[in-house]
N, C-alpha and C. Protein backbone atom coordinates (compact mmCIF):
# COMPACT_ATOMS: atom_id res chain seq x y z
N MET A 1 110.03 -135.08 -174.80
CA MET A 1 109.80 -133.73 -174.30
C MET A 1 108.56 -133.76 -173.43
N ASN A 2 108.69 -133.29 -172.20
CA ASN A 2 107.52 -133.28 -171.33
C ASN A 2 106.68 -132.04 -171.60
N GLN A 3 105.48 -132.04 -171.07
CA GLN A 3 104.52 -130.97 -171.32
C GLN A 3 105.00 -129.63 -170.76
N ARG A 4 105.65 -129.65 -169.63
CA ARG A 4 106.11 -128.40 -169.01
C ARG A 4 107.14 -127.67 -169.89
N SER A 5 107.96 -128.40 -170.60
CA SER A 5 109.00 -127.75 -171.38
C SER A 5 108.44 -126.96 -172.55
N SER A 6 107.21 -127.23 -172.96
CA SER A 6 106.61 -126.48 -174.05
C SER A 6 105.95 -125.19 -173.58
N GLN A 7 105.85 -124.98 -172.27
CA GLN A 7 105.26 -123.76 -171.74
C GLN A 7 106.31 -122.67 -171.66
N PRO A 8 105.89 -121.40 -171.75
CA PRO A 8 106.85 -120.32 -171.54
C PRO A 8 107.51 -120.47 -170.17
N LYS A 9 108.78 -120.13 -170.09
CA LYS A 9 109.53 -120.33 -168.85
C LYS A 9 108.89 -119.62 -167.66
N ASN A 10 108.39 -118.41 -167.86
CA ASN A 10 107.83 -117.68 -166.72
C ASN A 10 106.55 -118.30 -166.19
N LEU A 11 105.77 -118.99 -167.01
CA LEU A 11 104.55 -119.65 -166.53
C LEU A 11 104.84 -121.03 -165.97
N ALA A 12 105.83 -121.71 -166.49
CA ALA A 12 106.12 -123.08 -166.05
C ALA A 12 106.57 -123.11 -164.60
N LYS A 13 107.19 -122.05 -164.10
CA LYS A 13 107.70 -122.03 -162.74
C LYS A 13 106.71 -121.44 -161.75
N ASN A 14 105.68 -120.76 -162.22
CA ASN A 14 104.73 -120.10 -161.32
C ASN A 14 103.78 -121.09 -160.67
N ARG A 15 103.53 -120.86 -159.41
CA ARG A 15 102.51 -121.60 -158.70
C ARG A 15 101.16 -120.97 -159.03
N PRO A 16 100.06 -121.69 -158.87
CA PRO A 16 98.74 -121.10 -159.16
C PRO A 16 98.50 -119.78 -158.43
N ILE A 17 98.93 -119.66 -157.19
CA ILE A 17 98.72 -118.42 -156.44
C ILE A 17 99.48 -117.27 -157.09
N ASP A 18 100.64 -117.55 -157.67
CA ASP A 18 101.40 -116.51 -158.35
C ASP A 18 100.67 -116.04 -159.61
N VAL A 19 100.06 -116.97 -160.32
CA VAL A 19 99.29 -116.61 -161.51
C VAL A 19 98.09 -115.75 -161.11
N ILE A 20 97.41 -116.11 -160.03
CA ILE A 20 96.27 -115.32 -159.55
C ILE A 20 96.72 -113.91 -159.19
N ARG A 21 97.82 -113.80 -158.49
CA ARG A 21 98.34 -112.46 -158.13
C ARG A 21 98.65 -111.64 -159.37
N THR A 22 99.24 -112.27 -160.37
CA THR A 22 99.57 -111.57 -161.61
C THR A 22 98.32 -111.09 -162.32
N VAL A 23 97.30 -111.94 -162.38
CA VAL A 23 96.03 -111.56 -163.01
C VAL A 23 95.41 -110.38 -162.27
N LYS A 24 95.34 -110.46 -160.95
CA LYS A 24 94.75 -109.37 -160.17
C LYS A 24 95.52 -108.07 -160.34
N GLN A 25 96.84 -108.15 -160.35
CA GLN A 25 97.65 -106.95 -160.52
C GLN A 25 97.44 -106.36 -161.91
N SER A 26 97.37 -107.20 -162.92
CA SER A 26 97.16 -106.71 -164.29
C SER A 26 95.78 -106.11 -164.48
N ALA A 27 94.80 -106.60 -163.72
CA ALA A 27 93.42 -106.12 -163.86
C ALA A 27 93.14 -104.85 -163.07
N MET A 28 94.03 -104.48 -162.17
CA MET A 28 93.80 -103.26 -161.37
C MET A 28 93.50 -102.08 -162.29
N ASN A 29 92.51 -101.29 -161.88
CA ASN A 29 92.07 -100.10 -162.61
C ASN A 29 91.32 -100.44 -163.90
N HIS A 30 91.05 -101.72 -164.17
CA HIS A 30 90.37 -102.10 -165.41
C HIS A 30 89.10 -102.92 -165.17
N TRP A 31 88.72 -103.14 -163.92
CA TRP A 31 87.59 -104.01 -163.62
C TRP A 31 86.28 -103.52 -164.23
N GLN A 32 86.08 -102.20 -164.29
CA GLN A 32 84.83 -101.65 -164.82
C GLN A 32 84.60 -102.10 -166.26
N SER A 33 85.65 -102.31 -167.02
CA SER A 33 85.51 -102.78 -168.40
C SER A 33 85.74 -104.29 -168.53
N LEU A 34 86.56 -104.87 -167.67
CA LEU A 34 86.83 -106.31 -167.75
C LEU A 34 85.62 -107.16 -167.37
N LEU A 35 84.92 -106.78 -166.31
CA LEU A 35 83.79 -107.60 -165.86
C LEU A 35 82.71 -107.74 -166.92
N PRO A 36 82.25 -106.66 -167.56
CA PRO A 36 81.26 -106.83 -168.63
C PRO A 36 81.80 -107.69 -169.79
N ALA A 37 83.09 -107.58 -170.08
CA ALA A 37 83.68 -108.40 -171.14
C ALA A 37 83.66 -109.89 -170.78
N CYS A 38 83.58 -110.18 -169.48
CA CYS A 38 83.49 -111.57 -168.99
C CYS A 38 82.05 -112.00 -168.77
N GLY A 39 81.10 -111.14 -169.16
CA GLY A 39 79.68 -111.48 -169.01
C GLY A 39 79.08 -111.12 -167.67
N VAL A 40 79.78 -110.31 -166.88
CA VAL A 40 79.28 -109.90 -165.56
C VAL A 40 78.83 -108.45 -165.66
N ASP A 41 77.52 -108.23 -165.57
CA ASP A 41 77.00 -106.86 -165.60
C ASP A 41 77.16 -106.23 -164.23
N VAL A 42 77.79 -105.07 -164.20
CA VAL A 42 77.96 -104.35 -162.94
C VAL A 42 77.37 -102.95 -163.11
N PRO A 43 76.73 -102.45 -162.06
CA PRO A 43 76.21 -101.07 -162.13
C PRO A 43 77.37 -100.08 -162.13
N ALA A 44 77.09 -98.87 -162.51
CA ALA A 44 78.12 -97.83 -162.46
C ALA A 44 78.67 -97.73 -161.04
N LYS A 45 79.93 -97.38 -160.92
CA LYS A 45 80.56 -97.26 -159.61
C LYS A 45 79.74 -96.35 -158.72
N GLY A 46 79.44 -96.83 -157.52
CA GLY A 46 78.67 -96.05 -156.56
C GLY A 46 77.16 -96.22 -156.67
N LYS A 47 76.68 -96.94 -157.67
CA LYS A 47 75.24 -97.16 -157.85
C LYS A 47 74.89 -98.59 -157.45
N HIS A 48 73.62 -98.82 -157.13
CA HIS A 48 73.15 -100.17 -156.81
C HIS A 48 72.51 -100.78 -158.05
N GLY A 49 72.59 -102.10 -158.14
CA GLY A 49 72.01 -102.78 -159.28
C GLY A 49 71.79 -104.25 -158.97
N ALA A 50 71.53 -105.00 -160.02
CA ALA A 50 71.27 -106.44 -159.89
C ALA A 50 72.55 -107.16 -159.48
N CYS A 51 72.42 -108.09 -158.57
CA CYS A 51 73.56 -108.87 -158.11
C CYS A 51 73.81 -110.03 -159.08
N PRO A 52 75.02 -110.15 -159.62
CA PRO A 52 75.32 -111.25 -160.53
C PRO A 52 75.41 -112.60 -159.82
N ILE A 53 75.40 -112.61 -158.49
CA ILE A 53 75.49 -113.86 -157.74
C ILE A 53 74.11 -114.35 -157.32
N CYS A 54 73.36 -113.51 -156.57
CA CYS A 54 72.06 -113.96 -156.05
C CYS A 54 70.90 -113.55 -156.94
N GLY A 55 71.12 -112.60 -157.86
CA GLY A 55 70.06 -112.19 -158.77
C GLY A 55 69.15 -111.10 -158.25
N GLY A 56 69.38 -110.63 -157.03
CA GLY A 56 68.57 -109.53 -156.50
C GLY A 56 68.68 -108.31 -157.39
N THR A 57 67.60 -107.54 -157.49
CA THR A 57 67.56 -106.47 -158.49
C THR A 57 68.19 -105.15 -158.05
N ASP A 58 68.35 -104.91 -156.75
CA ASP A 58 68.86 -103.60 -156.33
C ASP A 58 69.79 -103.67 -155.12
N ARG A 59 70.44 -104.76 -154.92
CA ARG A 59 71.22 -104.94 -153.69
C ARG A 59 72.73 -105.01 -153.91
N PHE A 60 73.16 -105.00 -155.15
CA PHE A 60 74.58 -105.14 -155.48
C PHE A 60 75.21 -103.77 -155.66
N HIS A 61 76.39 -103.58 -155.09
CA HIS A 61 77.09 -102.30 -155.13
C HIS A 61 78.52 -102.54 -155.59
N PHE A 62 78.89 -101.94 -156.70
CA PHE A 62 80.26 -102.05 -157.22
C PHE A 62 81.05 -100.88 -156.66
N ILE A 63 81.97 -101.16 -155.75
CA ILE A 63 82.67 -100.11 -155.02
C ILE A 63 83.97 -99.72 -155.74
N ASP A 64 84.86 -100.66 -155.87
CA ASP A 64 86.13 -100.51 -156.60
C ASP A 64 86.99 -99.34 -156.12
N ASP A 65 86.86 -98.92 -154.87
CA ASP A 65 87.66 -97.81 -154.35
C ASP A 65 89.16 -98.11 -154.37
N ASN A 66 89.51 -99.37 -154.19
CA ASN A 66 90.93 -99.75 -154.17
C ASN A 66 91.40 -100.31 -155.51
N HIS A 67 90.54 -100.23 -156.52
CA HIS A 67 90.85 -100.66 -157.89
C HIS A 67 91.08 -102.16 -158.01
N HIS A 68 90.46 -102.92 -157.11
CA HIS A 68 90.54 -104.38 -157.16
C HIS A 68 89.21 -104.99 -157.61
N GLY A 69 88.28 -104.16 -158.08
CA GLY A 69 86.96 -104.65 -158.47
C GLY A 69 86.09 -104.96 -157.28
N ASP A 70 86.29 -104.26 -156.18
CA ASP A 70 85.57 -104.53 -154.93
C ASP A 70 84.07 -104.37 -155.10
N TRP A 71 83.32 -105.26 -154.46
CA TRP A 71 81.86 -105.24 -154.53
C TRP A 71 81.28 -105.70 -153.20
N HIS A 72 79.98 -105.44 -153.03
CA HIS A 72 79.25 -105.84 -151.84
C HIS A 72 77.80 -106.09 -152.23
N CYS A 73 77.20 -107.13 -151.67
CA CYS A 73 75.77 -107.41 -151.88
C CYS A 73 75.09 -107.44 -150.52
N ARG A 74 73.97 -106.73 -150.41
CA ARG A 74 73.24 -106.69 -149.13
C ARG A 74 72.46 -107.97 -148.87
N GLN A 75 72.34 -108.86 -149.83
CA GLN A 75 71.54 -110.07 -149.66
C GLN A 75 72.37 -111.35 -149.57
N CYS A 76 73.43 -111.43 -150.34
CA CYS A 76 74.21 -112.68 -150.40
C CYS A 76 74.69 -113.09 -149.01
N ASP A 77 74.71 -114.41 -148.80
CA ASP A 77 75.31 -114.94 -147.58
C ASP A 77 76.82 -114.87 -147.74
N GLN A 78 77.53 -115.36 -146.75
CA GLN A 78 78.99 -115.30 -146.80
C GLN A 78 79.50 -116.07 -148.01
N PRO A 79 80.33 -115.51 -148.83
CA PRO A 79 80.76 -114.11 -148.72
C PRO A 79 79.74 -113.18 -149.36
N ASN A 80 79.58 -112.02 -148.77
CA ASN A 80 78.68 -111.01 -149.34
C ASN A 80 79.48 -109.85 -149.93
N HIS A 81 80.78 -110.05 -150.09
CA HIS A 81 81.65 -109.05 -150.69
C HIS A 81 82.86 -109.77 -151.27
N GLY A 82 83.61 -109.07 -152.10
CA GLY A 82 84.80 -109.67 -152.67
C GLY A 82 85.46 -108.74 -153.66
N ASP A 83 86.33 -109.32 -154.49
CA ASP A 83 86.99 -108.53 -155.51
C ASP A 83 86.51 -108.98 -156.89
N GLY A 84 87.02 -108.34 -157.91
CA GLY A 84 86.56 -108.62 -159.27
C GLY A 84 86.75 -110.06 -159.69
N LEU A 85 87.84 -110.67 -159.28
CA LEU A 85 88.08 -112.06 -159.68
C LEU A 85 87.04 -113.00 -159.09
N ASP A 86 86.50 -112.66 -157.93
CA ASP A 86 85.45 -113.48 -157.32
C ASP A 86 84.19 -113.52 -158.18
N LEU A 87 83.99 -112.50 -159.01
CA LEU A 87 82.78 -112.43 -159.83
C LEU A 87 82.91 -113.19 -161.16
N VAL A 88 84.13 -113.51 -161.53
CA VAL A 88 84.35 -114.16 -162.83
C VAL A 88 84.19 -115.66 -162.70
């Protein structure tokens, strides 16, 4: 028995990009609670706070207008923005 046959059928056939899409779709509308559960402190939506990437104290902005965990940092180099999965 090979290793793939022991995996659930729906995961065994998925490419990594398909798994990422599924995770992002499942996380929509839940980033505000998911990120802290993953150890990423985010300020309240619309407020500035410490950046979990560069460590700046007041330059990180959790936007999440499209429910993808969108964020922006005024200090980070490229990328200086992304979605919730980029922070995990």
